[in-house]
Amino acid sequence: MSRYLLASDFDQTLSFNDSGYVLSELVGIPVSEFERKAAGMAKLNLVQQGGELAYLLRHDPEYRVVRREHLVEVGKRIRLKQNIPLLTRILEQGMEGQRFSFYVISAAPEEVIQSALEGIVPPDHIFGTLLEYDASGEIRSVLRVPAGYGKVAVLDELQERLDVGSERIVYVGDGSSDVHVMLHVNRRDGYTIAVSQAEHIAQIAQRTVLSDDALSVLVPILEDVLGMDAAGIRTFFESYGLSIQEWDKVRTDWLTIRGGELVLGS
């Protein structure tokens, strides 16, 4: 089989929750306070988009109470999208003579992602924010934050390791922290999928798929990457005991129209 590299974000791509929200609730910090701090950093461009939680864990006094066990517990509380285990199995078995190596690249703490996907995705296929702890268990430093250009660096490393061509890379994401890596993949003839209608990401991704089921990303892959028609896609899903009940293709236009007077000449 030929091989593709399929990389995916984690927060709100494979899950319904943002790790920062769940962690804040766990340690008794109001979610509104987390949102305020994250928005402030974004406004100041203090950190790469998506790296706000990593910054708070290292520098904010309220988050200095966080230990590794808190992050593991957050992963257990994260609500995942449906059928992620089946998705990973299908990708490894291959489709239409093509096998897909599946990796997760996210700015969420690595402990959170590994805990959430335990038994589903191997730990060495997960690249999250890498933290270093001191003897007391307190976070001493941040060694890696795969946010913004940080995701590009991890993706390039994986491409070299797996020895796949740039045109055989597929990336799935949902938000502003995925903009840089999607532009990078598109520029090199790869394929990008958005799983949200967030303005910036939907304009960049080659396809947008909205669903509560992780298997939904297979639809554009089967159609655009592997060249399968709609009937073949439905038959493919039925071979796994699944049926596509609703499949609506809608083009989304993002418009901003400002007021003004129209003056007609004679």
C-alpha atoms as a PDB file:
ATOM      1  CA  MET A   1       0.000   0.000   0.000  1.00  0.00           C
ATOM      2  CA  SER A   2       1.010   3.610  -0.561  1.00  0.00           C
ATOM      3  CA  ARG A   3       1.095   5.770   2.532  1.00  0.00           C
ATOM      4  CA  TYR A   4      -0.457   9.118   3.487  1.00  0.00           C
ATOM      5  CA  LEU A   5       0.151  11.179   6.608  1.00  0.00           C
ATOM      6  CA  LEU A   6      -3.093  12.271   8.266  1.00  0.00           C
ATOM      7  CA  ALA A   7      -2.590  14.772  11.103  1.00  0.00           C
ATOM      8  CA  SER A   8      -5.363  16.156  13.274  1.00  0.00           C
ATOM      9  CA  ASP A   9      -5.810  18.805  15.921  1.00  0.00           C
ATOM     10  CA  PHE A  10      -7.386  17.664  19.218  1.00  0.00           C
ATOM     11  CA  ASP A  11      -9.437  20.326  21.029  1.00  0.00           C
ATOM     12  CA  GLN A  12     -12.822  20.702  19.305  1.00  0.00           C
ATOM     13  CA  THR A  13     -11.584  18.612  16.385  1.00  0.00           C
ATOM     14  CA  LEU A  14     -11.571  15.175  17.988  1.00  0.00           C
ATOM     15  CA  SER A  15     -13.357  16.479  21.098  1.00  0.00           C
ATOM     16  CA  PHE A  16     -16.240  18.767  21.994  1.00  0.00           C
ATOM     17  CA  ASN A  17     -14.410  20.477  24.854  1.00  0.00           C
ATOM     18  CA  ASP A  18     -11.500  22.864  25.116  1.00  0.00           C
ATOM     19  CA  SER A  19      -8.868  21.513  27.508  1.00  0.00           C
ATOM     20  CA  GLY A  20      -8.462  24.937  29.117  1.00  0.00           C
ATOM     21  CA  TYR A  21     -12.133  25.088  30.087  1.00  0.00           C
ATOM     22  CA  VAL A  22     -12.152  21.612  31.609  1.00  0.00           C
ATOM     23  CA  LEU A  23      -8.901  22.208  33.513  1.00  0.00           C
ATOM     24  CA  SER A  24     -10.119  25.542  34.868  1.00  0.00           C
ATOM     25  CA  GLU A  25     -13.292  23.930  36.202  1.00  0.00           C
ATOM     26  CA  LEU A  26     -11.274  21.090  37.736  1.00  0.00           C
ATOM     27  CA  VAL A  27      -9.009  23.388  39.774  1.00  0.00           C
ATOM     28  CA  GLY A  28     -11.784  25.826  40.720  1.00  0.00           C
ATOM     29  CA  ILE A  29     -11.067  28.699  38.333  1.00  0.00           C
ATOM     30  CA  PRO A  30     -14.169  30.180  36.636  1.00  0.00           C
ATOM     31  CA  VAL A  31     -14.301  29.500  32.912  1.00  0.00           C
ATOM     32  CA  SER A  32     -15.036  33.186  32.370  1.00  0.00           C
ATOM     33  CA  GLU A  33     -11.680  33.989  34.002  1.00  0.00           C
ATOM     34  CA  PHE A  34      -9.860  31.617  31.651  1.00  0.00           C
ATOM     35  CA  GLU A  35     -11.618  33.223  28.681  1.00  0.00           C
ATOM     36  CA  ARG A  36     -10.666  36.695  29.902  1.00  0.00           C
ATOM     37  CA  LYS A  37      -7.012  35.788  30.302  1.00  0.00           C
ATOM     38  CA  ALA A  38      -6.846  33.986  26.947  1.00  0.00           C
ATOM     39  CA  ALA A  39      -8.569  36.858  25.140  1.00  0.00           C
ATOM     40  CA  GLY A  40      -6.134  39.328  26.699  1.00  0.00           C
ATOM     41  CA  MET A  41      -3.130  37.360  25.445  1.00  0.00           C
ATOM     42  CA  ALA A  42      -4.666  37.072  21.978  1.00  0.00           C
ATOM     43  CA  LYS A  43      -5.291  40.818  21.859  1.00  0.00           C
ATOM     44  CA  LEU A  44      -1.677  41.536  22.762  1.00  0.00           C
ATOM     45  CA  ASN A  45      -0.353  38.808  20.432  1.00  0.00           C
ATOM     46  CA  LEU A  46       1.563  37.609  23.488  1.00  0.00           C
ATOM     47  CA  VAL A  47       1.621  33.955  22.416  1.00  0.00           C
ATOM     48  CA  GLN A  48       0.869  31.925  19.298  1.00  0.00           C
ATOM     49  CA  GLN A  49      -2.847  31.322  18.808  1.00  0.00           C
ATOM     50  CA  GLY A  50      -3.676  28.131  20.718  1.00  0.00           C
ATOM     51  CA  GLY A  51      -0.731  28.435  23.117  1.00  0.00           C
ATOM     52  CA  GLU A  52      -2.616  30.424  25.768  1.00  0.00           C
ATOM     53  CA  LEU A  53      -3.087  27.504  28.166  1.00  0.00           C
ATOM     54  CA  ALA A  54       0.615  26.610  28.060  1.00  0.00           C
ATOM     55  CA  TYR A  55       1.508  30.203  28.960  1.00  0.00           C
ATOM     56  CA  LEU A  56      -0.964  30.252  31.858  1.00  0.00           C
ATOM     57  CA  LEU A  57       0.315  26.948  33.230  1.00  0.00           C
ATOM     58  CA  ARG A  58       3.845  28.306  33.397  1.00  0.00           C
ATOM     59  CA  HIS A  59       3.351  31.947  34.328  1.00  0.00           C
ATOM     60  CA  ASP A  60      -0.082  32.602  35.858  1.00  0.00           C
ATOM     61  CA  PRO A  61      -0.240  32.315  39.686  1.00  0.00           C
ATOM     62  CA  GLU A  62      -3.769  30.860  39.623  1.00  0.00           C
ATOM     63  CA  TYR A  63      -2.650  27.980  37.422  1.00  0.00           C
ATOM     64  CA  ARG A  64       0.555  27.189  39.319  1.00  0.00           C
ATOM     65  CA  VAL A  65      -1.472  24.686  41.388  1.00  0.00           C
ATOM     66  CA  VAL A  66      -1.800  22.405  38.350  1.00  0.00           C
ATOM     67  CA  ARG A  67       0.062  19.105  38.542  1.00  0.00           C
ATOM     68  CA  ARG A  68       0.418  16.228  36.115  1.00  0.00           C
ATOM     69  CA  GLU A  69      -2.439  14.312  37.785  1.00  0.00           C
ATOM     70  CA  HIS A  70      -4.789  17.217  37.085  1.00  0.00           C
ATOM     71  CA  LEU A  71      -3.964  17.044  33.380  1.00  0.00           C
ATOM     72  CA  VAL A  72      -4.524  13.286  33.294  1.00  0.00           C
ATOM     73  CA  GLU A  73      -7.910  13.766  34.982  1.00  0.00           C
ATOM     74  CA  VAL A  74      -8.853  16.438  32.439  1.00  0.00           C
ATOM     75  CA  GLY A  75      -8.240  13.919  29.663  1.00  0.00           C
ATOM     76  CA  LYS A  76     -10.610  11.462  31.314  1.00  0.00           C
ATOM     77  CA  ARG A  77     -13.305  14.175  31.480  1.00  0.00           C
ATOM     78  CA  ILE A  78     -12.963  15.319  27.879  1.00  0.00           C
ATOM     79  CA  ARG A  79     -15.969  14.395  25.755  1.00  0.00           C
ATOM     80  CA  LEU A  80     -14.718  12.853  22.519  1.00  0.00           C
ATOM     81  CA  LYS A  81     -16.464  12.733  19.181  1.00  0.00           C
ATOM     82  CA  GLN A  82     -18.045   9.444  18.181  1.00  0.00           C
ATOM     83  CA  ASN A  83     -16.213   6.580  16.475  1.00  0.00           C
ATOM     84  CA  ILE A  84     -12.607   7.705  16.922  1.00  0.00           C
ATOM     85  CA  PRO A  85     -11.502   4.078  17.568  1.00  0.00           C
ATOM     86  CA  LEU A  86     -13.171   2.957  14.324  1.00  0.00           C
ATOM     87  CA  LEU A  87     -11.622   5.884  12.446  1.00  0.00           C
ATOM     88  CA  THR A  88      -8.104   4.936  13.519  1.00  0.00           C
ATOM     89  CA  ARG A  89      -8.723   1.288  12.623  1.00  0.00           C
ATOM     90  CA  ILE A  90      -9.996   2.138   9.132  1.00  0.00           C
ATOM     91  CA  LEU A  91      -7.041   4.439   8.504  1.00  0.00           C
ATOM     92  CA  GLU A  92      -4.532   1.786   9.518  1.00  0.00           C
ATOM     93  CA  GLN A  93      -6.250  -0.940   7.465  1.00  0.00           C
ATOM     94  CA  GLY A  94      -6.240   1.352   4.465  1.00  0.00           C
ATOM     95  CA  MET A  95      -8.741   2.493   1.862  1.00  0.00           C
ATOM     96  CA  GLU A  96      -8.603   1.996  -1.897  1.00  0.00           C
ATOM     97  CA  GLY A  97      -5.071   0.684  -1.646  1.00  0.00           C
ATOM     98  CA  GLN A  98      -3.875   3.636   0.452  1.00  0.00           C
ATOM     99  CA  ARG A  99      -2.867   3.492   4.118  1.00  0.00           C
ATOM    100  CA  PHE A 100      -3.031   6.537   6.382  1.00  0.00           C
ATOM    101  CA  SER A 101      -0.668   7.049   9.325  1.00  0.00           C
ATOM    102  CA  PHE A 102      -2.691   8.964  11.921  1.00  0.00           C
ATOM    103  CA  TYR A 103      -1.086  11.520  14.261  1.00  0.00           C
ATOM    104  CA  VAL A 104      -2.470  14.140  16.650  1.00  0.00           C
ATOM    105  CA  ILE A 105      -0.770  17.568  16.756  1.00  0.00           C
ATOM    106  CA  SER A 106      -2.234  19.959  19.309  1.00  0.00           C
ATOM    107  CA  ALA A 107      -1.366  22.763  21.706  1.00  0.00           C
ATOM    108  CA  ALA A 108      -3.275  20.929  24.442  1.00  0.00           C
ATOM    109  CA  PRO A 109      -0.985  19.414  27.108  1.00  0.00           C
ATOM    110  CA  GLU A 110       0.323  16.039  25.987  1.00  0.00           C
ATOM    111  CA  GLU A 111      -0.869  14.416  29.227  1.00  0.00           C
ATOM    112  CA  VAL A 112      -4.450  15.520  28.468  1.00  0.00           C
ATOM    113  CA  ILE A 113      -4.450  14.088  24.950  1.00  0.00           C
ATOM    114  CA  GLN A 114      -2.783  10.814  25.921  1.00  0.00           C
ATOM    115  CA  SER A 115      -5.264  10.329  28.757  1.00  0.00           C
ATOM    116  CA  ALA A 116      -8.271  11.117  26.533  1.00  0.00           C
ATOM    117  CA  LEU A 117      -7.113   8.844  23.688  1.00  0.00           C
ATOM    118  CA  GLU A 118      -5.667   6.058  25.822  1.00  0.00           C
ATOM    119  CA  GLY A 119      -6.011   2.729  24.016  1.00  0.00           C
ATOM    120  CA  ILE A 120      -7.049   4.516  20.808  1.00  0.00           C
ATOM    121  CA  VAL A 121      -3.981   6.423  19.578  1.00  0.00           C
ATOM    122  CA  PRO A 122      -0.450   5.292  20.573  1.00  0.00           C
ATOM    123  CA  PRO A 123       1.387   7.819  22.788  1.00  0.00           C
ATOM    124  CA  ASP A 124       4.181   8.162  20.213  1.00  0.00           C
ATOM    125  CA  HIS A 125       1.575   9.349  17.678  1.00  0.00           C
ATOM    126  CA  ILE A 126       0.552  12.262  19.922  1.00  0.00           C
ATOM    127  CA  PHE A 127       2.381  15.609  19.877  1.00  0.00           C
ATOM    128  CA  GLY A 128       1.010  18.077  22.402  1.00  0.00           C
ATOM    129  CA  THR A 129       2.442  20.755  24.654  1.00  0.00           C
ATOM    130  CA  LEU A 130       5.373  19.101  26.418  1.00  0.00           C
ATOM    131  CA  LEU A 131       5.870  20.147  30.036  1.00  0.00           C
ATOM    132  CA  GLU A 132       8.748  19.573  32.443  1.00  0.00           C
ATOM    133  CA  TYR A 133       8.116  19.176  36.183  1.00  0.00           C
ATOM    134  CA  ASP A 134      10.289  19.787  39.227  1.00  0.00           C
ATOM    135  CA  ALA A 135      10.645  17.457  42.226  1.00  0.00           C
ATOM    136  CA  SER A 136       7.488  18.842  43.859  1.00  0.00           C
ATOM    137  CA  GLY A 137       5.398  18.172  40.755  1.00  0.00           C
ATOM    138  CA  GLU A 138       5.103  21.841  39.806  1.00  0.00           C
ATOM    139  CA  ILE A 139       5.503  22.748  36.138  1.00  0.00           C
ATOM    140  CA  ARG A 140       9.082  24.002  35.753  1.00  0.00           C
ATOM    141  CA  SER A 141       9.230  24.741  32.030  1.00  0.00           C
ATOM    142  CA  VAL A 142       7.466  24.352  28.706  1.00  0.00           C
ATOM    143  CA  LEU A 143       9.590  22.359  26.262  1.00  0.00           C
ATOM    144  CA  ARG A 144       7.315  22.399  23.201  1.00  0.00           C
ATOM    145  CA  VAL A 145       4.064  24.119  22.174  1.00  0.00           C
ATOM    146  CA  PRO A 146       2.613  22.852  18.864  1.00  0.00           C
ATOM    147  CA  ALA A 147       0.626  26.008  18.119  1.00  0.00           C
ATOM    148  CA  GLY A 148       0.855  28.225  15.058  1.00  0.00           C
ATOM    149  CA  TYR A 149       4.218  27.634  13.368  1.00  0.00           C
ATOM    150  CA  GLY A 150       4.934  25.051  16.060  1.00  0.00           C
ATOM    151  CA  LYS A 151       2.484  22.718  14.312  1.00  0.00           C
ATOM    152  CA  VAL A 152       4.279  23.246  11.018  1.00  0.00           C
ATOM    153  CA  ALA A 153       7.572  22.176  12.622  1.00  0.00           C
ATOM    154  CA  VAL A 154       6.037  18.958  14.028  1.00  0.00           C
ATOM    155  CA  LEU A 155       4.349  18.154  10.713  1.00  0.00           C
ATOM    156  CA  ASP A 156       7.597  18.597   8.784  1.00  0.00           C
ATOM    157  CA  GLU A 157       9.362  16.341  11.275  1.00  0.00           C
ATOM    158  CA  LEU A 158       6.736  13.631  10.786  1.00  0.00           C
ATOM    159  CA  GLN A 159       6.877  13.958   7.021  1.00  0.00           C
ATOM    160  CA  GLU A 160      10.614  13.390   7.065  1.00  0.00           C
ATOM    161  CA  ARG A 161      10.313  10.486   9.485  1.00  0.00           C
ATOM    162  CA  LEU A 162       7.623   8.716   7.432  1.00  0.00           C
ATOM    163  CA  ASP A 163       9.201   9.672   4.093  1.00  0.00           C
ATOM    164  CA  VAL A 164       5.938  10.765   2.457  1.00  0.00           C
ATOM    165  CA  GLY A 165       5.556  13.378  -0.264  1.00  0.00           C
ATOM    166  CA  SER A 166       4.025  16.773   0.510  1.00  0.00           C
ATOM    167  CA  GLU A 167       1.074  15.947  -1.730  1.00  0.00           C
ATOM    168  CA  ARG A 168       0.296  12.973   0.525  1.00  0.00           C
ATOM    169  CA  ILE A 169      -0.340  15.004   3.670  1.00  0.00           C
ATOM    170  CA  VAL A 170      -3.859  15.582   5.007  1.00  0.00           C
ATOM    171  CA  TYR A 171      -4.481  17.960   7.912  1.00  0.00           C
ATOM    172  CA  VAL A 172      -7.701  18.336   9.924  1.00  0.00           C
ATOM    173  CA  GLY A 173      -8.340  21.297  12.243  1.00  0.00           C
ATOM    174  CA  ASP A 174     -10.946  23.651  13.593  1.00  0.00           C
ATOM    175  CA  GLY A 175      -9.598  27.070  14.566  1.00  0.00           C
ATOM    176  CA  SER A 176      -7.124  29.905  14.370  1.00  0.00           C
ATOM    177  CA  SER A 177      -4.231  27.840  15.742  1.00  0.00           C
ATOM    178  CA  ASP A 178      -4.483  25.692  12.592  1.00  0.00           C
ATOM    179  CA  VAL A 179      -4.193  28.559  10.095  1.00  0.00           C
ATOM    180  CA  HIS A 180      -0.408  28.421   9.649  1.00  0.00           C
ATOM    181  CA  VAL A 181      -0.232  24.664   9.221  1.00  0.00           C
ATOM    182  CA  MET A 182      -3.147  24.614   6.762  1.00  0.00           C
ATOM    183  CA  LEU A 183      -1.554  27.328   4.639  1.00  0.00           C
ATOM    184  CA  HIS A 184       1.679  25.306   4.727  1.00  0.00           C
ATOM    185  CA  VAL A 185      -0.072  22.094   3.622  1.00  0.00           C
ATOM    186  CA  ASN A 186      -2.085  23.836   0.885  1.00  0.00           C
ATOM    187  CA  ARG A 187       1.004  25.564  -0.514  1.00  0.00           C
ATOM    188  CA  ARG A 188       2.718  22.200  -0.912  1.00  0.00           C
ATOM    189  CA  ASP A 189      -0.240  20.508  -2.667  1.00  0.00           C
ATOM    190  CA  GLY A 190      -1.502  18.652   0.406  1.00  0.00           C
ATOM    191  CA  TYR A 191      -5.142  18.504   1.507  1.00  0.00           C
ATOM    192  CA  THR A 192      -6.866  20.356   4.357  1.00  0.00           C
ATOM    193  CA  ILE A 193     -10.192  19.781   6.107  1.00  0.00           C
ATOM    194  CA  ALA A 194     -11.948  22.122   8.548  1.00  0.00           C
ATOM    195  CA  VAL A 195     -14.421  20.714  11.065  1.00  0.00           C
ATOM    196  CA  SER A 196     -15.864  24.084  12.065  1.00  0.00           C
ATOM    197  CA  GLN A 197     -17.144  27.182  10.310  1.00  0.00           C
ATOM    198  CA  ALA A 198     -14.770  29.505  12.139  1.00  0.00           C
ATOM    199  CA  GLU A 199     -14.219  32.350   9.699  1.00  0.00           C
ATOM    200  CA  HIS A 200     -10.456  32.212   9.167  1.00  0.00           C
ATOM    201  CA  ILE A 201     -10.162  28.443   8.984  1.00  0.00           C
ATOM    202  CA  ALA A 202     -13.164  27.871   6.699  1.00  0.00           C
ATOM    203  CA  GLN A 203     -11.696  30.271   4.145  1.00  0.00           C
ATOM    204  CA  ILE A 204      -8.402  28.363   4.036  1.00  0.00           C
ATOM    205  CA  ALA A 205      -9.435  24.701   4.229  1.00  0.00           C
ATOM    206  CA  GLN A 206     -10.192  22.926   0.977  1.00  0.00           C
ATOM    207  CA  ARG A 207     -13.256  21.254   2.496  1.00  0.00           C
ATOM    208  CA  THR A 208     -15.374  21.918   5.577  1.00  0.00           C
ATOM    209  CA  VAL A 209     -17.246  19.045   7.253  1.00  0.00           C
ATOM    210  CA  LEU A 210     -19.567  19.542  10.220  1.00  0.00           C
ATOM    211  CA  SER A 211     -20.524  16.476  12.240  1.00  0.00           C
ATOM    212  CA  ASP A 212     -20.498  15.020  15.755  1.00  0.00           C
ATOM    213  CA  ASP A 213     -18.872  11.877  14.326  1.00  0.00           C
ATOM    214  CA  ALA A 214     -15.118  11.660  13.754  1.00  0.00           C
ATOM    215  CA  LEU A 215     -15.733   9.390  10.756  1.00  0.00           C
ATOM    216  CA  SER A 216     -17.092  12.396   8.855  1.00  0.00           C
ATOM    217  CA  VAL A 217     -13.551  13.390   7.803  1.00  0.00           C
ATOM    218  CA  LEU A 218     -13.417  10.232   5.701  1.00  0.00           C
ATOM    219  CA  VAL A 219     -16.026  11.653   3.311  1.00  0.00           C
ATOM    220  CA  PRO A 220     -13.838  14.392   1.732  1.00  0.00           C
ATOM    221  CA  ILE A 221     -10.815  12.074   1.845  1.00  0.00           C
ATOM    222  CA  LEU A 222     -12.666   9.340  -0.046  1.00  0.00           C
ATOM    223  CA  GLU A 223     -14.162  11.843  -2.481  1.00  0.00           C
ATOM    224  CA  ASP A 224     -11.355  14.317  -3.179  1.00  0.00           C
ATOM    225  CA  VAL A 225      -8.183  12.392  -2.324  1.00  0.00           C
ATOM    226  CA  LEU A 226      -9.135   8.876  -3.411  1.00  0.00           C
ATOM    227  CA  GLY A 227     -11.629   9.819  -6.156  1.00  0.00           C
ATOM    228  CA  MET A 228     -14.662   7.863  -4.903  1.00  0.00           C
ATOM    229  CA  ASP A 229     -18.171   8.934  -5.936  1.00  0.00           C
ATOM    230  CA  ALA A 230     -21.134   9.456  -3.579  1.00  0.00           C
ATOM    231  CA  ALA A 231     -22.561   5.986  -4.164  1.00  0.00           C
ATOM    232  CA  GLY A 232     -19.193   4.400  -3.461  1.00  0.00           C
ATOM    233  CA  ILE A 233     -18.808   6.413  -0.260  1.00  0.00           C
ATOM    234  CA  ARG A 234     -22.204   5.279   1.010  1.00  0.00           C
ATOM    235  CA  THR A 235     -21.318   1.667   0.162  1.00  0.00           C
ATOM    236  CA  PHE A 236     -17.988   2.065   1.983  1.00  0.00           C
ATOM    237  CA  PHE A 237     -19.740   3.232   5.169  1.00  0.00           C
ATOM    238  CA  GLU A 238     -22.321   0.447   4.871  1.00  0.00           C
ATOM    239  CA  SER A 239     -19.496  -2.113   4.776  1.00  0.00           C
ATOM    240  CA  TYR A 240     -18.795  -1.088   8.391  1.00  0.00           C
ATOM    241  CA  GLY A 241     -22.452  -1.272   9.401  1.00  0.00           C
ATOM    242  CA  LEU A 242     -22.938   2.492   9.137  1.00  0.00           C
ATOM    243  CA  SER A 243     -25.268   4.605   7.049  1.00  0.00           C
ATOM    244  CA  ILE A 244     -25.057   8.266   6.093  1.00  0.00           C
ATOM    245  CA  GLN A 245     -28.505   9.567   6.989  1.00  0.00           C
ATOM    246  CA  GLU A 246     -27.993  13.221   6.087  1.00  0.00           C
ATOM    247  CA  TRP A 247     -25.410  14.652   3.717  1.00  0.00           C
ATOM    248  CA  ASP A 248     -26.006  18.263   2.766  1.00  0.00           C
ATOM    249  CA  LYS A 249     -23.448  20.141   0.716  1.00  0.00           C
ATOM    250  CA  VAL A 250     -23.771  23.866   1.316  1.00  0.00           C
ATOM    251  CA  ARG A 251     -21.399  26.554   0.115  1.00  0.00           C
ATOM    252  CA  THR A 252     -20.736  29.134   2.838  1.00  0.00           C
ATOM    253  CA  ASP A 253     -20.132  32.789   1.974  1.00  0.00           C
ATOM    254  CA  TRP A 254     -18.673  35.116   4.616  1.00  0.00           C
ATOM    255  CA  LEU A 255     -19.681  38.741   3.999  1.00  0.00           C
ATOM    256  CA  THR A 256     -19.132  42.050   5.767  1.00  0.00           C
ATOM    257  CA  ILE A 257     -21.142  44.948   4.300  1.00  0.00           C
ATOM    258  CA  ARG A 258     -20.708  48.384   5.798  1.00  0.00           C
ATOM    259  CA  GLY A 259     -23.144  51.295   5.587  1.00  0.00           C
ATOM    260  CA  GLY A 260     -22.772  54.195   3.210  1.00  0.00           C
ATOM    261  CA  GLU A 261     -24.682  56.486   0.925  1.00  0.00           C
ATOM    262  CA  LEU A 262     -25.112  55.638  -2.717  1.00  0.00           C
ATOM    263  CA  VAL A 263     -24.980  58.698  -4.946  1.00  0.00           C
ATOM    264  CA  LEU A 264     -26.369  58.314  -8.450  1.00  0.00           C
ATOM    265  CA  GLY A 265     -25.133  60.653 -11.110  1.00  0.00           C
ATOM    266  CA  SER A 266     -27.338  62.069 -13.788  1.00  0.00           C
END
